Protein backbone atom coordinates (compact mmCIF):
# COMPACT_ATOMS: atom_id res chain seq x y z
CA LYS A 1 21.39 11.14 -3.02
CA ASN A 2 22.48 10.55 0.56
CA VAL A 3 21.68 6.85 0.78
CA GLN A 4 22.96 3.88 2.74
CA PRO A 5 24.01 0.55 1.19
CA THR A 6 20.99 -1.41 2.45
CA TYR A 7 17.32 -0.85 3.27
CA ILE A 8 14.28 -2.91 4.11
CA PHE A 9 10.97 -1.64 2.72
CA GLN A 10 7.83 -2.67 4.62
CA GLY A 11 4.36 -1.34 5.39
CA ASP A 12 0.72 -1.38 4.34
CA GLU A 13 1.10 0.94 1.36
CA LYS A 14 2.72 -0.95 -1.53
CA TYR A 15 1.86 2.00 -3.81
CA LEU A 16 4.32 4.20 -1.89
CA MET A 17 6.89 1.39 -1.79
CA ASP A 18 6.75 1.07 -5.57
CA ILE A 19 7.08 4.84 -6.03
CA ALA A 20 10.10 4.98 -3.69
CA LEU A 21 11.78 2.10 -5.54
CA GLU A 22 11.17 3.80 -8.88
CA GLU A 23 12.73 7.01 -7.54
CA VAL A 24 15.84 5.18 -6.31
CA ILE A 25 16.32 3.48 -9.69
CA LYS A 26 15.67 6.69 -11.60
CA THR A 27 18.06 8.69 -9.40
CA PHE A 28 21.06 6.37 -9.51
CA LEU A 29 20.78 4.48 -12.80
CA THR A 30 20.74 5.82 -16.33
CA LYS A 31 18.17 4.27 -18.63
CA ASP A 32 20.74 2.91 -21.11
CA LEU A 33 22.68 1.04 -18.38
CA GLU A 34 19.75 0.07 -16.17
CA SER A 35 19.66 -3.51 -17.45
CA ILE A 36 23.33 -3.95 -16.45
CA ASN A 37 23.30 -2.20 -13.08
CA LEU A 38 19.90 -3.36 -11.81
CA SER A 39 19.39 -6.84 -10.34
CA ASN A 40 15.94 -8.14 -9.48
CA LEU A 41 16.05 -11.17 -7.19
CA ASP A 42 13.13 -13.22 -5.90
CA GLY A 43 13.28 -15.23 -2.68
CA LYS A 44 11.09 -17.88 -4.33
CA THR A 45 13.69 -18.70 -6.99
CA ASN A 46 17.01 -17.24 -5.76
CA ASP A 47 19.18 -18.25 -2.80
CA PHE A 48 21.66 -16.39 -0.59
CA GLY A 49 24.45 -17.33 -3.00
CA ASP A 50 22.70 -15.36 -5.75
CA LEU A 51 22.30 -12.42 -3.38
CA ILE A 52 25.98 -12.46 -2.40
CA SER A 53 27.10 -12.74 -6.03
CA SER A 54 24.88 -9.83 -7.07
CA CYS A 55 26.03 -7.62 -4.17
CA GLU A 56 29.71 -8.30 -4.92
CA THR A 57 29.35 -7.36 -8.59
CA LEU A 58 30.74 -3.88 -9.26
CA PRO A 59 28.69 -1.27 -11.16
CA PHE A 60 29.47 -0.75 -14.84
CA MET A 61 30.05 2.89 -15.87
CA SER A 62 28.00 4.01 -12.86
CA THR A 63 28.59 4.90 -9.23
CA LYS A 64 25.95 2.48 -7.95
CA ARG A 65 24.26 -0.84 -8.57
CA VAL A 66 20.71 -1.40 -7.31
CA ILE A 67 19.75 -4.86 -6.08
CA VAL A 68 16.09 -5.52 -5.29
CA LEU A 69 15.20 -8.63 -3.28
CA LYS A 70 11.48 -9.41 -3.36
CA ASN A 71 9.72 -12.09 -1.33
CA PRO A 72 12.58 -12.10 1.21
CA GLY A 73 10.47 -13.99 3.74
CA VAL A 74 10.48 -17.05 1.47
CA LEU A 75 14.28 -16.87 1.19
CA VAL A 76 14.71 -16.50 4.95
CA GLU A 77 12.39 -19.43 5.60
CA LYS A 78 14.07 -21.55 2.94
CA ASP A 79 17.75 -20.95 3.74
CA GLY A 80 17.65 -19.46 7.22
CA VAL A 81 19.62 -16.43 8.42
CA ASN A 82 22.86 -16.84 10.34
CA GLU A 83 25.30 -14.40 11.90
CA ASP A 84 27.60 -14.56 8.86
CA MET A 85 24.77 -13.51 6.53
CA ILE A 86 23.75 -10.61 8.79
CA LYS A 87 27.39 -9.53 9.04
CA PHE A 88 27.68 -9.68 5.24
CA ILE A 89 24.65 -7.40 4.79
CA GLU A 90 25.87 -5.00 7.49
CA ASN A 91 29.28 -4.62 5.82
CA LEU A 92 28.25 -4.10 2.22
CA GLY A 93 30.25 -1.46 0.37
CA ASP A 94 28.75 1.77 -0.91
CA HIS A 95 28.96 0.70 -4.56
CA GLN A 96 25.42 -0.69 -4.38
CA ILE A 97 22.00 -0.15 -2.84
CA LEU A 98 20.36 -3.36 -1.64
CA ILE A 99 16.62 -2.97 -1.11
CA VAL A 100 14.89 -5.83 0.70
CA PHE A 101 11.38 -5.30 -0.69
CA ASP A 102 9.18 -6.99 1.91
CA SER A 103 5.73 -6.01 0.63
CA ASN A 104 4.04 -8.82 2.60
CA ASN A 105 5.71 -7.84 5.90
CA ASP A 106 7.05 -11.38 6.27
CA ILE A 107 10.19 -10.40 8.17
CA LYS A 108 9.00 -9.79 11.71
CA LYS A 109 10.30 -6.96 13.85
CA ASN A 110 11.59 -9.30 16.54
CA THR A 111 13.98 -11.15 14.20
CA LYS A 112 17.73 -10.56 14.15
CA LEU A 113 17.58 -9.64 10.48
CA TYR A 114 15.05 -6.85 11.01
CA LYS A 115 16.87 -5.58 14.10
CA SER A 116 20.03 -5.41 12.01
CA PHE A 117 18.34 -2.96 9.63
CA SER A 118 16.62 -1.09 12.45
CA LYS A 119 19.72 -0.37 14.51
CA ARG A 120 21.28 1.37 11.49
CA ASP A 121 18.06 3.29 10.64
CA GLN A 122 17.73 1.35 7.40
CA ASN A 123 14.15 0.22 7.97
CA VAL A 124 11.61 2.22 5.95
CA ASN A 125 7.96 1.75 6.89
CA PHE A 126 5.37 2.86 4.33
CA GLU A 127 2.15 3.51 6.24
CA LYS A 128 -1.16 4.68 4.84
CA LEU A 129 -1.41 8.38 4.08
CA LYS A 130 -3.46 10.45 6.52
CA GLY A 131 -4.69 14.00 7.04
CA THR A 132 -3.21 16.69 4.83
CA ASP A 133 -0.88 14.24 3.06
CA LEU A 134 -3.82 12.13 1.87
CA ASN A 135 -5.92 15.15 0.89
CA ASN A 136 -3.03 16.66 -1.08
CA TRP A 137 -2.33 13.36 -2.82
CA ILE A 138 -5.95 13.08 -3.98
CA SER A 139 -6.06 16.72 -5.06
CA LYS A 140 -2.86 16.39 -7.10
CA LYS A 141 -4.06 13.17 -8.72
CA ILE A 142 -7.33 14.77 -9.80
CA ASN A 143 -5.68 18.01 -10.93
CA ALA A 144 -3.18 16.02 -13.01
CA LEU A 145 -6.17 14.57 -14.86
CA ASN A 146 -7.48 18.10 -15.56
CA LYS A 147 -10.29 17.98 -13.01
CA THR A 148 -10.97 19.85 -9.76
CA ILE A 149 -12.51 18.86 -6.45
CA THR A 150 -13.39 20.81 -3.31
CA PRO A 151 -11.82 19.99 0.08
CA ALA A 152 -15.22 18.92 1.37
CA ASP A 153 -15.70 16.49 -1.49
CA ILE A 154 -12.16 15.14 -0.99
CA ASN A 155 -13.14 14.26 2.58
CA TYR A 156 -16.35 12.70 1.32
CA LEU A 157 -14.40 10.64 -1.23
CA ILE A 158 -12.08 9.39 1.52
CA GLN A 159 -15.06 8.46 3.67
CA GLN A 160 -16.88 6.62 0.88
CA SER A 161 -13.75 4.77 -0.25
CA SER A 162 -13.19 3.39 3.29
CA TYR A 163 -9.46 4.01 2.79
CA LEU A 164 -9.00 4.84 6.47
CA SER A 165 -11.20 2.02 7.74
CA ARG A 166 -9.51 -0.43 10.10
CA ASN A 167 -11.78 -3.23 8.94
CA ILE A 168 -11.19 -2.99 5.18
CA THR A 169 -7.96 -3.28 3.24
CA THR A 170 -8.17 -0.39 0.79
CA THR A 171 -4.88 0.88 -0.64
CA LEU A 172 -3.75 3.88 -2.66
CA TYR A 173 -3.86 1.61 -5.71
CA ASP A 174 -7.58 1.09 -5.04
CA LEU A 175 -8.09 4.81 -4.44
CA ASP A 176 -6.17 5.64 -7.61
CA ASN A 177 -8.46 3.35 -9.61
CA GLU A 178 -11.54 4.99 -8.09
CA ILE A 179 -10.21 8.44 -8.99
CA LYS A 180 -9.64 7.33 -12.60
CA LYS A 181 -13.20 6.01 -12.74
CA LEU A 182 -14.56 9.29 -11.40
CA VAL A 183 -12.60 11.25 -14.01
CA ASP A 184 -13.79 8.93 -16.81
CA TYR A 185 -17.44 9.33 -15.81
CA SER A 186 -17.25 13.08 -15.13
CA LYS A 187 -18.94 15.19 -17.78
CA ASP A 188 -17.57 18.52 -16.54
CA ASP A 189 -14.43 19.84 -14.85
CA LYS A 190 -15.52 19.10 -11.26
CA ILE A 191 -15.63 15.89 -9.25
CA THR A 192 -18.76 16.27 -7.12
CA LYS A 193 -20.43 14.46 -4.23
CA GLU A 194 -23.21 13.34 -6.57
CA LEU A 195 -20.69 11.81 -8.95
CA ILE A 196 -18.94 10.02 -6.09
CA ASP A 197 -22.28 8.55 -4.98
CA ASN A 198 -23.04 7.35 -8.51
CA VAL A 199 -19.63 5.88 -9.37
CA LEU A 200 -18.01 4.49 -6.24
CA VAL A 201 -18.87 0.92 -5.33
CA LYS A 202 -19.78 0.89 -1.67
CA THR A 203 -17.90 -1.54 0.53
CA LEU A 204 -19.76 -4.03 2.68
CA ASP A 205 -18.62 -2.27 5.86
CA LYS A 206 -19.92 1.12 4.66
CA SER A 207 -23.19 -0.39 3.41
CA ILE A 208 -23.80 -2.05 6.78
CA PHE A 209 -23.14 1.28 8.52
CA ASP A 210 -25.66 3.04 6.23
CA LEU A 211 -28.17 0.24 6.85
CA LEU A 212 -27.96 0.70 10.61
CA ALA A 213 -28.26 4.46 10.19
CA ALA A 214 -31.48 3.96 8.19
CA ILE A 215 -32.82 1.57 10.85
CA SER A 216 -32.05 4.08 13.61
CA ARG A 217 -34.00 6.73 11.66
CA LYS A 218 -36.86 4.21 11.26
CA ASP A 219 -36.56 4.66 7.50
CA ALA A 220 -37.88 1.24 6.50
CA ASP A 221 -37.83 1.84 2.73
CA LYS A 222 -34.19 2.95 2.78
CA ALA A 223 -33.20 0.08 5.09
CA ILE A 224 -34.83 -2.51 2.82
CA ALA A 225 -33.21 -0.97 -0.27
CA LEU A 226 -29.78 -1.01 1.40
CA PHE A 227 -30.23 -4.60 2.56
CA ASP A 228 -31.20 -5.55 -1.00
CA ASP A 229 -28.04 -3.85 -2.32
CA ILE A 230 -25.91 -5.78 0.18
CA TYR A 231 -27.63 -9.04 -0.74
CA MET A 232 -26.94 -8.35 -4.43
CA MET A 233 -23.21 -8.18 -3.60
CA ASN A 234 -23.48 -11.99 -3.26
CA GLU A 235 -22.48 -11.75 0.39
CA PRO A 236 -23.67 -14.75 2.49
CA ILE A 237 -26.56 -13.95 4.83
CA PRO A 238 -24.63 -15.18 7.94
CA LYS A 239 -21.81 -12.76 7.06
CA ILE A 240 -24.28 -9.87 6.72
CA LEU A 241 -25.81 -10.71 10.11
CA PHE A 242 -22.34 -10.95 11.65
CA MET A 243 -21.40 -7.51 10.25
CA ILE A 244 -24.65 -6.01 11.59
CA SER A 245 -24.06 -7.45 15.07
CA ARG A 246 -20.43 -6.27 14.97
CA GLN A 247 -21.54 -2.71 14.22
CA PHE A 248 -23.94 -2.85 17.17
CA ARG A 249 -21.11 -4.07 19.42
CA LEU A 250 -18.92 -1.19 18.24
CA LEU A 251 -21.70 1.34 18.91
CA LEU A 252 -22.29 -0.10 22.37
CA GLY A 253 -18.55 0.00 23.03
CA TYR A 254 -18.42 3.72 22.19
CA ASN A 255 -21.24 4.36 24.65
């Protein structure tokens, strides 16, 4: 419960941002008074006057109010940010928690507003999970659904989902949906490599990689089958050719 009056939430992983926001609300607001002590503002429809009014409102029968400002980039672009506004945010009292929920990363790190949060260590960046954190998250998700999975198959699931790929935007929400599909299709207690192969929809990037691997092995039948699968994704032929040439450039770059 050691929190500061203001924070800015940013990053690639909106799933973790949503979880963190839920935890803040659950920790500081009781369910019966949540509607009174929680304010949800949107930069598309609210202005700085609404933000000031909400921040200056005292909590009712609670130690804190929680104010959530979503789409802050729209508000900043619409009304601008001046020194008085930054000073107002920096001097908020401890009766509230203002969370600037910038899920689109619209507020750039070189702006005065972001630097204001950063210099007080009030910027929270939600990056993608990696390594043990990601493996544990998957394991707990699957166990919570009364299934098991081996560490090797967890790594295979991560690979097939392209969650860690730099070229594909796959989030924990996407991975969560894939896990639910695997559990729904599983006929026993284990999530296996075979099940992952049968259920997961392969991404274009992964399919292109498999196609090149088949070509390098001179496995014509597999290569034609993979190309047919990619074509059935309704991807334009020029895009497929571009992805193939890009993979070759990457391979040549590694050499």
